[in-house]
Amino acid sequence: MITRLFVFLLSLSPGMRKRVWRWWYQTMARRHRGADWTFMNYGFADPKAEPILLEESDEPNRLLIQLYHHTASQHELDGLKVLEVGDRKSTRLNSSH
């Protein structure tokens, strides 16, 4: 029932969808303050791509790290300054990813 209500709210309008997702995102950020939650994002998987090498400790976040890798590998970044715009949670992101 809650799922149907959520889907209904999202279908009302683009503005409603944006407000509901913003509320959900903020609620999750407030309630889950554990150090084990590094990323607040979607993931990426390309079944045709060769898997990137990760440390064992990074495996739980593989899909999320692959999203960053896929995005950053689309252009040559050597010599450029790259800015990640995120929220308080993403400031804990290890720069080695």
C-alpha atoms as a PDB file:
ATOM      1  CA  MET A   1       0.000   0.000   0.000  1.00  0.00           C
ATOM      2  CA  ILE A   2       2.792   2.441   0.834  1.00  0.00           C
ATOM      3  CA  THR A   3       4.476   1.628  -2.459  1.00  0.00           C
ATOM      4  CA  ARG A   4       1.292   2.399  -4.377  1.00  0.00           C
ATOM      5  CA  LEU A   5       0.901   5.707  -2.540  1.00  0.00           C
ATOM      6  CA  PHE A   6       4.516   6.591  -3.326  1.00  0.00           C
ATOM      7  CA  VAL A   7       4.083   5.755  -7.017  1.00  0.00           C
ATOM      8  CA  PHE A   8       0.826   7.720  -7.104  1.00  0.00           C
ATOM      9  CA  LEU A   9       2.476  10.801  -5.583  1.00  0.00           C
ATOM     10  CA  LEU A  10       5.304  10.601  -8.103  1.00  0.00           C
ATOM     11  CA  SER A  11       2.844  10.397 -10.993  1.00  0.00           C
ATOM     12  CA  LEU A  12       0.889  13.533 -10.042  1.00  0.00           C
ATOM     13  CA  SER A  13       3.269  16.010 -11.621  1.00  0.00           C
ATOM     14  CA  PRO A  14       6.962  16.648 -12.260  1.00  0.00           C
ATOM     15  CA  GLY A  15       6.930  19.197  -9.431  1.00  0.00           C
ATOM     16  CA  MET A  16       5.393  16.694  -7.028  1.00  0.00           C
ATOM     17  CA  ARG A  17       7.914  14.058  -8.133  1.00  0.00           C
ATOM     18  CA  LYS A  18      10.778  16.467  -7.418  1.00  0.00           C
ATOM     19  CA  ARG A  19       9.411  17.370  -3.971  1.00  0.00           C
ATOM     20  CA  VAL A  20       8.837  13.750  -3.002  1.00  0.00           C
ATOM     21  CA  TRP A  21      12.340  12.665  -4.092  1.00  0.00           C
ATOM     22  CA  ARG A  22      13.891  15.640  -2.284  1.00  0.00           C
ATOM     23  CA  TRP A  23      11.988  14.708   0.873  1.00  0.00           C
ATOM     24  CA  TRP A  24      13.050  11.031   0.534  1.00  0.00           C
ATOM     25  CA  TYR A  25      16.679  11.947  -0.073  1.00  0.00           C
ATOM     26  CA  GLN A  26      16.804  14.281   2.940  1.00  0.00           C
ATOM     27  CA  THR A  27      15.034  11.737   5.150  1.00  0.00           C
ATOM     28  CA  MET A  28      17.549   9.050   4.225  1.00  0.00           C
ATOM     29  CA  ALA A  29      20.463  11.425   4.840  1.00  0.00           C
ATOM     30  CA  ARG A  30      19.175  12.344   8.309  1.00  0.00           C
ATOM     31  CA  ARG A  31      18.373   8.817   9.418  1.00  0.00           C
ATOM     32  CA  HIS A  32      21.428   6.991   8.152  1.00  0.00           C
ATOM     33  CA  ARG A  33      24.510   8.689   9.514  1.00  0.00           C
ATOM     34  CA  GLY A  34      26.679   5.588   9.661  1.00  0.00           C
ATOM     35  CA  ALA A  35      30.162   5.580   8.216  1.00  0.00           C
ATOM     36  CA  ASP A  36      29.220   2.529   6.150  1.00  0.00           C
ATOM     37  CA  TRP A  37      27.018   4.646   3.873  1.00  0.00           C
ATOM     38  CA  THR A  38      29.493   6.326   1.561  1.00  0.00           C
ATOM     39  CA  PHE A  39      27.406   7.084  -1.524  1.00  0.00           C
ATOM     40  CA  MET A  40      23.937   8.503  -2.057  1.00  0.00           C
ATOM     41  CA  ASN A  41      23.540   7.807  -5.723  1.00  0.00           C
ATOM     42  CA  TYR A  42      22.482   5.291  -8.297  1.00  0.00           C
ATOM     43  CA  GLY A  43      24.893   2.723  -9.638  1.00  0.00           C
ATOM     44  CA  PHE A  44      26.060   1.688 -13.075  1.00  0.00           C
ATOM     45  CA  ALA A  45      26.702  -1.705 -14.604  1.00  0.00           C
ATOM     46  CA  ASP A  46      27.738  -2.433 -18.171  1.00  0.00           C
ATOM     47  CA  PRO A  47      27.728  -6.191 -18.764  1.00  0.00           C
ATOM     48  CA  LYS A  48      30.006  -5.716 -21.803  1.00  0.00           C
ATOM     49  CA  ALA A  49      32.651  -3.705 -19.950  1.00  0.00           C
ATOM     50  CA  GLU A  50      35.668  -5.175 -18.241  1.00  0.00           C
ATOM     51  CA  PRO A  51      35.205  -4.916 -14.462  1.00  0.00           C
ATOM     52  CA  ILE A  52      37.314  -2.277 -12.771  1.00  0.00           C
ATOM     53  CA  LEU A  53      39.718  -3.451 -10.092  1.00  0.00           C
ATOM     54  CA  LEU A  54      38.635  -2.525  -6.583  1.00  0.00           C
ATOM     55  CA  GLU A  55      39.962  -3.116  -3.126  1.00  0.00           C
ATOM     56  CA  GLU A  56      38.000  -5.715  -1.172  1.00  0.00           C
ATOM     57  CA  SER A  57      36.675  -3.007   1.168  1.00  0.00           C
ATOM     58  CA  ASP A  58      35.172  -1.153  -1.825  1.00  0.00           C
ATOM     59  CA  GLU A  59      33.247  -4.133  -3.224  1.00  0.00           C
ATOM     60  CA  PRO A  60      29.973  -3.298  -1.400  1.00  0.00           C
ATOM     61  CA  ASN A  61      29.956   0.000  -3.323  1.00  0.00           C
ATOM     62  CA  ARG A  62      30.976  -1.465  -6.701  1.00  0.00           C
ATOM     63  CA  LEU A  63      27.982  -0.213  -8.712  1.00  0.00           C
ATOM     64  CA  LEU A  64      28.275   3.275  -7.270  1.00  0.00           C
ATOM     65  CA  ILE A  65      32.022   3.463  -7.912  1.00  0.00           C
ATOM     66  CA  GLN A  66      31.444   2.193 -11.451  1.00  0.00           C
ATOM     67  CA  LEU A  67      29.070   5.110 -12.020  1.00  0.00           C
ATOM     68  CA  TYR A  68      31.824   7.577 -11.094  1.00  0.00           C
ATOM     69  CA  HIS A  69      34.333   5.643 -13.194  1.00  0.00           C
ATOM     70  CA  HIS A  70      32.033   5.537 -16.226  1.00  0.00           C
ATOM     71  CA  THR A  71      31.277   9.249 -15.979  1.00  0.00           C
ATOM     72  CA  ALA A  72      34.868  10.346 -15.424  1.00  0.00           C
ATOM     73  CA  SER A  73      36.291   8.087 -18.132  1.00  0.00           C
ATOM     74  CA  GLN A  74      34.229   9.639 -20.940  1.00  0.00           C
ATOM     75  CA  HIS A  75      36.783  12.452 -21.423  1.00  0.00           C
ATOM     76  CA  GLU A  76      40.479  12.956 -20.849  1.00  0.00           C
ATOM     77  CA  LEU A  77      40.795  14.676 -17.462  1.00  0.00           C
ATOM     78  CA  ASP A  78      44.584  14.960 -17.155  1.00  0.00           C
ATOM     79  CA  GLY A  79      45.517  18.540 -16.371  1.00  0.00           C
ATOM     80  CA  LEU A  80      41.926  19.587 -15.716  1.00  0.00           C
ATOM     81  CA  LYS A  81      40.305  20.588 -12.467  1.00  0.00           C
ATOM     82  CA  VAL A  82      37.224  18.504 -11.675  1.00  0.00           C
ATOM     83  CA  LEU A  83      34.599  19.560  -9.175  1.00  0.00           C
ATOM     84  CA  GLU A  84      32.129  17.111  -7.701  1.00  0.00           C
ATOM     85  CA  VAL A  85      29.001  18.850  -6.505  1.00  0.00           C
ATOM     86  CA  GLY A  86      27.276  16.890  -3.804  1.00  0.00           C
ATOM     87  CA  ASP A  87      25.848  16.999  -0.338  1.00  0.00           C
ATOM     88  CA  ARG A  88      27.273  16.515   3.135  1.00  0.00           C
ATOM     89  CA  LYS A  89      27.383  12.744   2.696  1.00  0.00           C
ATOM     90  CA  SER A  90      29.505  12.897  -0.432  1.00  0.00           C
ATOM     91  CA  THR A  91      32.179  14.955   1.298  1.00  0.00           C
ATOM     92  CA  ARG A  92      33.275  11.694   2.912  1.00  0.00           C
ATOM     93  CA  LEU A  93      34.040  10.253  -0.517  1.00  0.00           C
ATOM     94  CA  ASN A  94      37.580   8.982  -0.635  1.00  0.00           C
ATOM     95  CA  SER A  95      39.504  10.844  -3.322  1.00  0.00           C
ATOM     96  CA  SER A  96      41.080   7.602  -4.516  1.00  0.00           C
ATOM     97  CA  HIS A  97      37.823   6.573  -6.282  1.00  0.00           C
END
